Amino acid sequence: MDKNLNEIKEIINEWNPIKIEPLLDDEYTVEVQLINDYLQKHEDITFSDLGEKINDIFDNKFKGYFIKTEESFYIAKKILKTK
């Protein structure tokens, strides 16, 4: 796992947007990879764009369990700081 992917995983796991307990280390692997792929394809991304993408990824994956939230934008800022 590359550095960015690992850092994204740590941020997402710390956030634990679905509030899974107990949280397995690989619980959000697919979502982390989707976020990383999105970052790789979009060099000049804003935290707002990334926040929207994070909301979309989790909403699509966990319909009914995830509610789009402003917190996604805070998470996006944290992720962008690791780039």
Protein backbone atom coordinates (compact mmCIF):
# COMPACT_ATOMS: atom_id res chain seq x y z
CA MET A 1 0.00 0.00 0.00
CA ASP A 2 1.51 3.31 -0.99
CA LYS A 3 1.94 6.21 1.42
CA ASN A 4 -1.07 8.20 0.21
CA LEU A 5 -3.33 5.18 0.26
CA ASN A 6 -2.26 4.33 3.80
CA GLU A 7 -2.78 7.91 4.98
CA ILE A 8 -6.22 8.05 3.36
CA LYS A 9 -7.09 4.76 5.03
CA GLU A 10 -6.04 6.09 8.43
CA ILE A 11 -8.13 9.25 7.99
CA ILE A 12 -11.21 7.35 6.81
CA ASN A 13 -10.89 4.72 9.54
CA GLU A 14 -10.53 7.43 12.18
CA TRP A 15 -13.65 9.14 10.81
CA ASN A 16 -15.52 5.81 10.55
CA PRO A 17 -18.43 7.37 8.66
CA ILE A 18 -20.74 4.39 9.11
CA LYS A 19 -19.79 4.06 12.80
CA ILE A 20 -18.95 0.38 12.44
CA GLU A 21 -18.01 -1.21 15.75
CA PRO A 22 -15.71 -2.97 16.00
CA LEU A 23 -14.01 -1.44 12.99
CA LEU A 24 -11.86 -3.86 11.03
CA ASP A 25 -8.65 -2.45 9.58
CA ASP A 26 -9.79 -3.19 6.03
CA GLU A 27 -13.43 -2.13 6.46
CA TYR A 28 -13.28 0.80 4.02
CA THR A 29 -10.66 -0.57 1.61
CA VAL A 30 -12.83 -0.19 -1.49
CA GLU A 31 -13.84 3.36 -0.60
CA VAL A 32 -10.25 4.35 0.19
CA GLN A 33 -9.15 3.00 -3.18
CA LEU A 34 -11.92 4.93 -4.95
CA ILE A 35 -10.86 8.14 -3.20
CA ASN A 36 -7.22 7.51 -4.09
CA ASP A 37 -8.11 6.77 -7.73
CA TYR A 38 -10.10 9.99 -7.89
CA LEU A 39 -7.16 11.95 -6.51
CA GLN A 40 -4.80 10.39 -9.04
CA LYS A 41 -7.06 11.45 -11.91
CA HIS A 42 -7.64 15.00 -10.66
CA GLU A 43 -4.42 16.89 -9.98
CA ASP A 44 -5.89 20.31 -9.12
CA ILE A 45 -8.80 19.16 -6.99
CA THR A 46 -10.39 21.40 -4.38
CA PHE A 47 -11.46 20.20 -0.97
CA SER A 48 -15.03 20.99 -2.01
CA ASP A 49 -14.82 18.71 -5.04
CA LEU A 50 -13.21 15.95 -3.00
CA GLY A 51 -15.77 16.38 -0.22
CA GLU A 52 -18.58 15.91 -2.74
CA LYS A 53 -16.86 12.84 -4.15
CA ILE A 54 -16.42 11.36 -0.67
CA ASN A 55 -20.11 11.95 0.02
CA ASP A 56 -21.01 10.27 -3.28
CA ILE A 57 -18.74 7.27 -2.69
CA PHE A 58 -20.13 6.54 0.77
CA ASP A 59 -23.71 7.32 -0.22
CA ASN A 60 -23.52 4.90 -3.16
CA LYS A 61 -21.87 2.17 -1.12
CA PHE A 62 -23.86 2.50 2.11
CA LYS A 63 -27.30 3.73 1.05
CA GLY A 64 -29.50 4.02 4.09
CA TYR A 65 -26.55 3.91 6.48
CA PHE A 66 -24.66 6.99 5.36
CA ILE A 67 -26.09 10.48 5.30
CA LYS A 68 -24.25 13.05 3.22
CA THR A 69 -22.58 15.40 5.64
CA GLU A 70 -20.48 18.53 5.85
CA GLU A 71 -17.94 16.46 7.75
CA SER A 72 -16.90 14.99 4.40
CA PHE A 73 -15.42 18.37 3.50
CA TYR A 74 -13.33 18.40 6.67
CA ILE A 75 -12.13 14.89 5.81
CA ALA A 76 -11.33 16.07 2.28
CA LYS A 77 -9.16 18.87 3.70
CA LYS A 78 -7.28 16.38 5.86
CA ILE A 79 -6.72 14.08 2.90
CA LEU A 80 -5.51 16.89 0.66
CA LYS A 81 -2.98 17.94 3.29
CA THR A 82 -1.34 14.51 2.97
CA LYS A 83 -0.71 14.88 -0.77
